[in-house]
Amino acid sequence: MPTMKASLATQFNAHVAKVQPANILLFDQEVSTVPDIVKLTVGEPDFAVPTVAKQAAIDAINADDSHYAPGAGSLALRQAISHFLADRYALTYQAEGEIAVTIGATEAIYASLAALLNPGDEVLIPTPTFPLYETMTEMLGGHAVTIPTTAPDFVLTPDQLKAAINAHPQAKALILNYPSNPTGVTFTPAQLQALAAVLQETNLVVISDEIYSELVYEGTHTSLAKYLPGQTVILNGASKAGAMTGYRIGFIAGPAGIMQRIGVVHAVMITAPSDPAMAAAVPIFGSEAGHQATLKMKAAYQARRDYLAHALSELGFTVATPRGAFYLFAKLPADQGSDDVTFATRLAKEGQVATIPGSFFGAGGEGYLRLSYATSMAALKTAVARITKFLQTA
């Protein structure tokens, strides 16, 4: 087993050296060693990939679809994504020049930020939020400026946005994630219009991560791009609503002038996505069978959400029922204090239920737990029974 030459320790990218391992993954690994634990940690759908997607991948493999695709992704998939955005959200993006297929939404985030940021550039990020946005910003030499939002709904307001812009007038971008990981919160059309009115007076590029757009339970999803098309890039993909996390298919859509810059980074990073994976995603975005498969999964998630939100409320947690995604952001019962890390650790090791401490998601998350209900109803019922017993003895 080779050992690195000791003097090489000073040879690495200083920005990368500052990046710490993700708390979420480290905590999940730690509690996963507890015997018979029920995991409500990672946002991993428990459903199988829809049959229509699996068959499309098989057909692509049997047809020897195994050569370099265009860097922006297969035309068939980009056309399906164009159809999806128009059909679901009344957005018009051309397959040529305005859409790129990425290796999951993770690459989409990175490529978007890498195309925008110069060293020291600031990125506005409302919290609580998925910590990868801040990690990528810092790794690229930018500076993440967090905007704490407030309970119970954790919605970024125009006044909060104005204050952040006034304090950081040179900021380059704003990252929005809705429906949100970790809160499940999303914006109403009126709220998005109010934010757009503020943003249109700036040169901020909005990176709008809408990966959970198909998992909105009350009403329908609206994209900020409807009101601010010239400054918005949309990130989305098949991982969450299509239960295709392992296929790693995401996409970016935006104005051609922005997409040209993002496309340069994207092409250098990956050359092209996988042909069979792209073939599998075509029916998810472009067929009625794919849409119906998504709707079936969404109905199951909604039933789980309703059960878990009610059960936790009965146990003394404060839960604002989320309108989207598959997470609950629950405030600890008053008699349990606000140390979410200690509570989550004890709940895992003593109660055999794994959750994620809310403070891992930034300012505003202290005293909360994130619970993923992307698991079976049976697992959720077991978790509730164990949490009940834990609270009785804690």
Protein backbone atom coordinates (compact mmCIF):
# COMPACT_ATOMS: atom_id res chain seq x y z
CA MET A 1 0.00 0.00 0.00
CA PRO A 2 1.70 3.25 -1.13
CA THR A 3 2.16 6.16 1.26
CA MET A 4 2.08 9.69 -0.09
CA LYS A 5 5.38 11.55 0.01
CA ALA A 6 5.04 13.80 3.07
CA SER A 7 6.20 16.95 1.28
CA LEU A 8 3.28 16.66 -1.18
CA ALA A 9 0.88 17.79 1.56
CA THR A 10 1.42 21.42 0.51
CA GLN A 11 0.84 20.80 -3.20
CA PHE A 12 -2.96 20.73 -3.33
CA ASN A 13 -5.62 23.26 -4.26
CA ALA A 14 -6.09 25.47 -1.20
CA HIS A 15 -9.83 25.80 -1.78
CA VAL A 16 -10.28 22.02 -1.89
CA ALA A 17 -8.20 21.66 1.26
CA LYS A 18 -10.71 23.83 3.12
CA VAL A 19 -13.63 21.54 2.24
CA GLN A 20 -14.66 19.31 5.10
CA PRO A 21 -16.46 15.96 4.68
CA ALA A 22 -20.23 16.45 4.54
CA ASN A 23 -21.78 16.27 8.00
CA ILE A 24 -24.85 14.55 6.61
CA LEU A 25 -22.90 11.67 5.11
CA LEU A 26 -20.59 11.32 8.10
CA PHE A 27 -23.52 11.24 10.50
CA ASP A 28 -25.40 8.78 8.30
CA GLN A 29 -22.36 6.49 8.20
CA GLU A 30 -21.93 6.68 11.96
CA VAL A 31 -25.53 5.83 12.85
CA SER A 32 -25.79 3.16 10.14
CA THR A 33 -23.66 0.92 12.34
CA VAL A 34 -26.45 0.73 14.94
CA PRO A 35 -28.08 -2.73 14.70
CA ASP A 36 -31.63 -2.85 13.28
CA ILE A 37 -31.79 0.91 12.82
CA VAL A 38 -34.62 2.55 10.86
CA LYS A 39 -33.04 5.15 8.59
CA LEU A 40 -34.91 8.36 7.80
CA THR A 41 -31.72 10.09 6.72
CA VAL A 42 -30.76 10.20 3.05
CA GLY A 43 -33.20 11.33 0.37
CA GLU A 44 -33.14 8.08 -1.56
CA PRO A 45 -36.48 6.96 -3.09
CA ASP A 46 -37.41 3.42 -2.11
CA PHE A 47 -39.29 2.78 -5.35
CA ALA A 48 -37.97 0.76 -8.27
CA VAL A 49 -37.21 2.61 -11.49
CA PRO A 50 -40.42 2.73 -13.59
CA THR A 51 -40.72 -0.17 -16.03
CA VAL A 52 -40.98 2.17 -19.02
CA ALA A 53 -37.56 3.65 -18.14
CA LYS A 54 -35.90 0.29 -17.54
CA GLN A 55 -37.19 -1.05 -20.85
CA ALA A 56 -35.90 2.02 -22.68
CA ALA A 57 -32.42 1.43 -21.22
CA ILE A 58 -32.54 -2.24 -22.20
CA ASP A 59 -33.60 -1.34 -25.73
CA ALA A 60 -30.73 1.15 -26.00
CA ILE A 61 -28.21 -1.45 -24.88
CA ASN A 62 -29.59 -4.06 -27.28
CA ALA A 63 -29.42 -1.50 -30.10
CA ASP A 64 -25.72 -0.94 -29.32
CA ASP A 65 -26.31 2.67 -28.35
CA SER A 66 -22.83 2.86 -26.87
CA HIS A 67 -20.98 5.67 -28.58
CA TYR A 68 -20.24 9.28 -27.72
CA ALA A 69 -23.41 11.31 -27.45
CA PRO A 70 -23.44 15.06 -28.11
CA GLY A 71 -21.91 16.91 -25.18
CA ALA A 72 -25.23 18.55 -24.34
CA GLY A 73 -26.92 15.15 -24.27
CA SER A 74 -28.91 13.16 -26.79
CA LEU A 75 -31.29 15.18 -28.92
CA ALA A 76 -34.13 12.80 -28.01
CA LEU A 77 -33.70 13.50 -24.31
CA ARG A 78 -33.31 17.25 -24.76
CA GLN A 79 -36.51 17.24 -26.80
CA ALA A 80 -38.27 15.26 -24.06
CA ILE A 81 -37.05 17.76 -21.45
CA SER A 82 -38.26 20.64 -23.62
CA HIS A 83 -41.67 18.95 -23.77
CA PHE A 84 -41.64 18.35 -20.00
CA LEU A 85 -40.93 22.00 -19.18
CA ALA A 86 -43.61 23.22 -21.56
CA ASP A 87 -46.23 20.66 -20.54
CA ARG A 88 -45.83 20.91 -16.76
CA TYR A 89 -44.71 24.49 -16.21
CA ALA A 90 -45.51 26.47 -19.38
CA LEU A 91 -41.82 27.20 -19.98
CA THR A 92 -40.32 27.40 -23.46
CA TYR A 93 -36.76 26.15 -23.89
CA GLN A 94 -35.29 24.93 -27.15
CA ALA A 95 -33.55 21.55 -27.27
CA GLU A 96 -30.69 23.18 -29.17
CA GLY A 97 -28.66 25.71 -27.21
CA GLU A 98 -30.93 26.11 -24.16
CA ILE A 99 -30.86 22.65 -22.51
CA ALA A 100 -27.94 20.48 -21.39
CA VAL A 101 -28.13 16.99 -19.86
CA THR A 102 -25.87 16.61 -16.82
CA ILE A 103 -24.59 13.85 -14.57
CA GLY A 104 -27.31 14.38 -12.00
CA ALA A 105 -28.29 17.72 -10.50
CA THR A 106 -24.98 17.71 -8.61
CA GLU A 107 -22.99 18.29 -11.78
CA ALA A 108 -25.56 20.87 -12.84
CA ILE A 109 -24.90 22.86 -9.66
CA TYR A 110 -21.14 22.67 -10.10
CA ALA A 111 -21.13 23.53 -13.81
CA SER A 112 -23.43 26.51 -13.23
CA LEU A 113 -21.29 27.90 -10.41
CA ALA A 114 -18.00 27.21 -12.21
CA ALA A 115 -19.22 29.13 -15.26
CA LEU A 116 -20.15 32.14 -13.14
CA LEU A 117 -17.60 32.52 -10.38
CA ASN A 118 -14.27 34.28 -10.28
CA PRO A 119 -12.15 34.09 -7.10
CA GLY A 120 -13.85 35.97 -4.27
CA ASP A 121 -17.25 36.27 -5.95
CA GLU A 122 -20.18 36.07 -3.56
CA VAL A 123 -23.18 33.75 -3.84
CA LEU A 124 -26.36 34.40 -1.84
CA ILE A 125 -27.84 31.23 -0.30
CA PRO A 126 -30.97 31.21 1.88
CA THR A 127 -30.82 28.77 4.81
CA PRO A 128 -31.69 26.19 6.04
CA THR A 129 -30.63 24.52 2.82
CA PHE A 130 -28.75 21.63 1.27
CA PRO A 131 -25.10 22.22 2.33
CA LEU A 132 -23.59 21.22 -1.01
CA TYR A 133 -24.32 24.69 -2.44
CA GLU A 134 -22.03 26.34 0.08
CA THR A 135 -19.38 23.63 -0.27
CA MET A 136 -19.20 23.98 -4.05
CA THR A 137 -19.12 27.77 -3.87
CA GLU A 138 -16.18 27.74 -1.49
CA MET A 139 -14.37 25.00 -3.41
CA LEU A 140 -14.54 27.14 -6.56
CA GLY A 141 -12.98 30.08 -4.74
CA GLY A 142 -16.22 31.95 -4.19
CA HIS A 143 -17.74 33.09 -0.93
CA ALA A 144 -21.10 31.80 0.29
CA VAL A 145 -23.27 34.48 1.90
CA THR A 146 -26.09 32.83 3.83
CA ILE A 147 -29.49 34.46 4.32
CA PRO A 148 -31.17 32.90 7.38
CA THR A 149 -34.92 32.51 6.92
CA THR A 150 -37.29 32.07 9.82
CA ALA A 151 -39.70 29.48 11.17
CA PRO A 152 -42.30 28.23 10.76
CA ASP A 153 -42.25 28.33 6.95
CA PHE A 154 -38.59 29.27 6.15
CA VAL A 155 -39.57 31.22 3.03
CA LEU A 156 -37.17 33.83 1.65
CA THR A 157 -38.97 37.18 1.69
CA PRO A 158 -38.39 40.19 -0.59
CA ASP A 159 -37.23 42.23 2.40
CA GLN A 160 -34.67 39.59 3.38
CA LEU A 161 -33.46 39.43 -0.22
CA LYS A 162 -33.20 43.23 -0.49
CA ALA A 163 -31.21 43.42 2.74
CA ALA A 164 -28.76 40.78 1.50
CA ILE A 165 -28.35 42.52 -1.86
CA ASN A 166 -27.76 45.88 -0.20
CA ALA A 167 -25.16 44.34 2.12
CA HIS A 168 -23.48 42.49 -0.77
CA PRO A 169 -23.99 44.60 -3.90
CA GLN A 170 -21.28 42.74 -5.83
CA ALA A 171 -22.85 39.30 -5.33
CA LYS A 172 -22.85 37.26 -8.52
CA ALA A 173 -25.61 34.70 -7.98
CA LEU A 174 -28.53 33.58 -5.85
CA ILE A 175 -29.26 29.89 -5.28
CA LEU A 176 -32.86 28.89 -4.63
CA ASN A 177 -34.01 25.33 -3.95
CA TYR A 178 -37.76 24.69 -3.98
CA PRO A 179 -39.45 22.53 -2.93
CA SER A 180 -36.71 22.69 -0.35
CA ASN A 181 -34.32 20.17 1.04
CA PRO A 182 -34.54 20.07 4.10
CA THR A 183 -37.84 21.83 4.84
CA GLY A 184 -40.16 20.74 2.02
CA VAL A 185 -41.19 24.40 1.71
CA THR A 186 -41.96 25.83 -1.70
CA PHE A 187 -42.97 29.21 -3.10
CA THR A 188 -46.40 30.35 -4.22
CA PRO A 189 -46.63 32.17 -7.56
CA ALA A 190 -47.19 35.46 -5.70
CA GLN A 191 -44.07 34.93 -3.60
CA LEU A 192 -42.01 34.19 -6.71
CA GLN A 193 -43.34 37.29 -8.46
CA ALA A 194 -42.34 39.41 -5.46
CA LEU A 195 -38.80 37.98 -5.51
CA ALA A 196 -38.59 38.46 -9.28
CA ALA A 197 -39.51 42.12 -8.89
CA VAL A 198 -36.48 42.57 -6.62
CA LEU A 199 -34.13 40.47 -8.74
CA GLN A 200 -34.92 42.13 -12.07
CA GLU A 201 -33.32 45.31 -10.74
CA THR A 202 -30.03 43.43 -10.30
CA ASN A 203 -27.54 41.46 -12.38
CA LEU A 204 -27.78 38.40 -10.16
CA VAL A 205 -28.01 35.06 -11.94
CA VAL A 206 -30.50 32.83 -10.17
CA ILE A 207 -29.59 29.15 -9.99
CA SER A 208 -33.01 27.65 -9.42
CA ASP A 209 -32.73 24.06 -8.19
CA GLU A 210 -36.14 22.52 -8.87
CA ILE A 211 -35.20 18.84 -8.59
CA TYR A 212 -38.32 18.18 -6.46
CA SER A 213 -40.71 20.04 -8.78
CA GLU A 214 -42.78 16.95 -9.56
CA LEU A 215 -43.30 16.26 -5.85
CA VAL A 216 -45.61 19.16 -4.95
CA TYR A 217 -48.66 17.97 -3.03
CA GLU A 218 -50.93 21.00 -2.79
CA GLY A 219 -51.30 23.03 -5.97
CA THR A 220 -48.72 22.84 -8.73
CA HIS A 221 -45.10 23.84 -9.04
CA THR A 222 -44.26 27.24 -10.51
CA SER A 223 -40.76 28.10 -11.68
CA LEU A 224 -39.12 31.46 -11.04
CA ALA A 225 -38.15 31.34 -14.72
CA LYS A 226 -41.78 32.11 -15.55
CA TYR A 227 -41.26 35.60 -14.13
CA LEU A 228 -37.50 36.08 -14.57
CA PRO A 229 -36.48 34.10 -17.67
CA GLY A 230 -33.48 36.20 -18.67
CA GLN A 231 -31.65 35.75 -15.34
CA THR A 232 -32.63 32.22 -14.33
CA VAL A 233 -31.10 28.82 -14.97
CA ILE A 234 -33.25 25.86 -13.97
CA LEU A 235 -31.73 22.68 -12.53
CA ASN A 236 -33.80 19.50 -12.48
CA GLY A 237 -33.50 15.79 -13.21
CA ALA A 238 -34.86 12.28 -13.04
CA SER A 239 -33.32 11.22 -9.71
CA LYS A 240 -36.06 12.15 -7.25
CA ALA A 241 -39.42 12.06 -9.04
CA GLY A 242 -38.29 9.21 -11.30
CA ALA A 243 -36.54 7.21 -8.53
CA MET A 244 -33.49 7.09 -10.81
CA THR A 245 -30.73 8.27 -8.48
CA GLY A 246 -28.24 5.70 -9.79
CA TYR A 247 -28.80 6.65 -13.42
CA ARG A 248 -27.37 10.13 -12.73
CA ILE A 249 -29.46 12.14 -15.17
CA GLY A 250 -30.02 15.82 -14.50
CA PHE A 251 -30.39 18.86 -16.70
CA ILE A 252 -29.87 22.60 -16.91
CA ALA A 253 -32.15 24.92 -18.89
CA GLY A 254 -31.58 28.62 -19.41
CA PRO A 255 -31.03 31.46 -21.88
CA ALA A 256 -28.62 30.57 -24.67
CA GLY A 257 -26.14 33.27 -23.63
CA ILE A 258 -25.79 31.75 -20.17
CA MET A 259 -25.96 28.16 -21.36
CA GLN A 260 -23.08 28.71 -23.76
CA ARG A 261 -20.79 29.50 -20.80
CA ILE A 262 -22.13 26.64 -18.70
CA GLY A 263 -21.78 24.31 -21.66
CA VAL A 264 -18.03 24.96 -21.83
CA VAL A 265 -17.57 23.79 -18.23
CA HIS A 266 -19.95 20.88 -18.72
CA ALA A 267 -18.13 19.61 -21.83
CA VAL A 268 -14.73 19.79 -20.14
CA MET A 269 -16.00 17.93 -17.08
CA ILE A 270 -17.83 14.96 -18.61
CA THR A 271 -17.53 14.83 -22.42
CA ALA A 272 -21.03 13.32 -22.63
CA PRO A 273 -23.58 11.50 -20.44
CA SER A 274 -24.23 7.76 -20.68
CA ASP A 275 -26.33 6.66 -23.65
CA PRO A 276 -28.47 3.98 -21.89
CA ALA A 277 -29.13 6.27 -18.91
CA MET A 278 -30.29 9.05 -21.21
CA ALA A 279 -32.50 6.62 -23.11
CA ALA A 280 -34.10 5.58 -19.81
CA ALA A 281 -34.88 9.20 -18.94
CA VAL A 282 -36.61 9.98 -22.24
CA PRO A 283 -39.95 8.36 -21.27
CA ILE A 284 -39.78 9.86 -17.76
CA PHE A 285 -39.84 13.35 -19.23
CA GLY A 286 -41.53 12.74 -22.57
CA SER A 287 -44.25 10.13 -22.19
CA GLU A 288 -47.59 9.75 -20.45
CA ALA A 289 -46.48 6.41 -19.01
CA GLY A 290 -43.54 8.13 -17.34
CA HIS A 291 -45.79 10.89 -16.01
CA GLN A 292 -48.24 8.36 -14.55
CA ALA A 293 -45.41 6.48 -12.84
CA THR A 294 -44.30 9.74 -11.21
CA LEU A 295 -47.84 10.54 -10.09
CA LYS A 296 -48.20 7.10 -8.48
CA MET A 297 -45.03 7.60 -6.46
CA LYS A 298 -46.11 11.12 -5.50
CA ALA A 299 -49.40 9.82 -4.09
CA ALA A 300 -47.51 7.36 -1.91
CA TYR A 301 -45.16 10.08 -0.66
CA GLN A 302 -48.13 12.30 0.21
CA ALA A 303 -49.73 9.54 2.28
CA ARG A 304 -46.45 9.03 4.12
CA ARG A 305 -46.05 12.75 4.69
CA ASP A 306 -49.54 13.06 6.15
CA TYR A 307 -49.00 10.09 8.47
CA LEU A 308 -45.59 11.20 9.72
CA ALA A 309 -46.51 14.87 10.17
CA HIS A 310 -49.56 13.95 12.25
CA ALA A 311 -47.69 11.36 14.31
CA LEU A 312 -44.81 13.70 15.15
CA SER A 313 -47.19 16.51 16.06
CA GLU A 314 -48.92 14.15 18.49
CA LEU A 315 -45.52 13.47 20.08
CA GLY A 316 -44.84 17.16 20.71
CA PHE A 317 -42.75 18.05 17.67
CA THR A 318 -43.63 21.25 15.83
CA VAL A 319 -44.16 20.34 12.20
CA ALA A 320 -45.18 22.71 9.43
CA THR A 321 -46.61 20.30 6.86
CA PRO A 322 -44.36 20.58 3.80
CA ARG A 323 -45.94 21.19 0.41
CA GLY A 324 -43.24 19.35 -1.51
CA ALA A 325 -40.16 17.07 -1.65
CA PHE A 326 -40.03 14.11 0.78
CA TYR A 327 -38.68 15.62 3.98
CA LEU A 328 -40.15 16.81 7.27
CA PHE A 329 -38.33 19.51 9.21
CA ALA A 330 -39.50 18.99 12.76
CA LYS A 331 -38.72 21.17 15.77
CA LEU A 332 -37.80 19.22 18.88
CA PRO A 333 -40.40 19.00 21.66
CA ALA A 334 -40.03 21.86 24.14
CA ASP A 335 -38.89 19.56 26.94
CA GLN A 336 -36.03 18.20 24.81
CA GLY A 337 -34.10 21.45 24.50
CA SER A 338 -32.50 22.64 21.26
CA ASP A 339 -29.33 20.54 20.90
CA ASP A 340 -30.38 18.72 17.75
CA VAL A 341 -27.04 16.93 17.26
CA THR A 342 -27.12 15.36 20.73
CA PHE A 343 -30.80 14.48 20.38
CA ALA A 344 -30.33 12.89 16.94
CA THR A 345 -27.30 10.94 18.15
CA ARG A 346 -29.16 9.59 21.17
CA LEU A 347 -32.27 8.83 19.11
CA ALA A 348 -30.12 6.77 16.75
CA LYS A 349 -28.05 4.93 19.34
CA GLU A 350 -30.72 4.45 22.01
CA GLY A 351 -33.94 4.63 20.00
CA GLN A 352 -32.72 2.97 16.77
CA VAL A 353 -34.11 5.70 14.51
CA ALA A 354 -31.72 7.69 12.31
CA THR A 355 -32.53 11.28 11.37
CA ILE A 356 -30.36 14.25 10.38
CA PRO A 357 -29.72 17.18 12.78
CA GLY A 358 -31.26 20.37 11.45
CA SER A 359 -28.17 22.44 12.24
CA PHE A 360 -26.34 20.60 9.46
CA PHE A 361 -28.44 22.66 7.02
CA GLY A 362 -27.21 26.03 8.23
CA ALA A 363 -28.54 28.96 10.23
CA GLY A 364 -32.15 28.52 11.29
CA GLY A 365 -31.92 24.75 11.49
CA GLU A 366 -30.81 24.53 15.09
CA GLY A 367 -33.22 22.58 17.26
CA TYR A 368 -34.76 20.72 14.31
CA LEU A 369 -34.50 17.28 12.76
CA ARG A 370 -34.82 16.42 9.10
CA LEU A 371 -36.68 13.18 8.52
CA SER A 372 -36.89 11.65 5.05
CA TYR A 373 -40.11 9.81 4.26
CA ALA A 374 -38.70 8.34 1.05
CA THR A 375 -39.11 4.95 2.68
CA SER A 376 -41.95 2.50 3.26
CA MET A 377 -44.99 3.19 5.41
CA ALA A 378 -44.07 0.13 7.47
CA ALA A 379 -40.66 1.65 8.23
CA LEU A 380 -42.27 4.96 9.17
CA LYS A 381 -44.67 3.24 11.58
CA THR A 382 -41.78 1.39 13.19
CA ALA A 383 -39.88 4.65 13.49
CA VAL A 384 -42.82 6.41 15.15
CA ALA A 385 -43.23 3.58 17.66
CA ARG A 386 -39.53 3.77 18.52
CA ILE A 387 -39.53 7.58 18.79
CA THR A 388 -42.54 7.33 21.11
CA LYS A 389 -40.71 4.86 23.35
CA PHE A 390 -37.51 6.95 23.27
CA LEU A 391 -39.33 10.12 24.36
CA GLN A 392 -40.98 8.24 27.22
CA THR A 393 -37.59 7.25 28.61
CA ALA A 394 -35.43 10.22 27.54
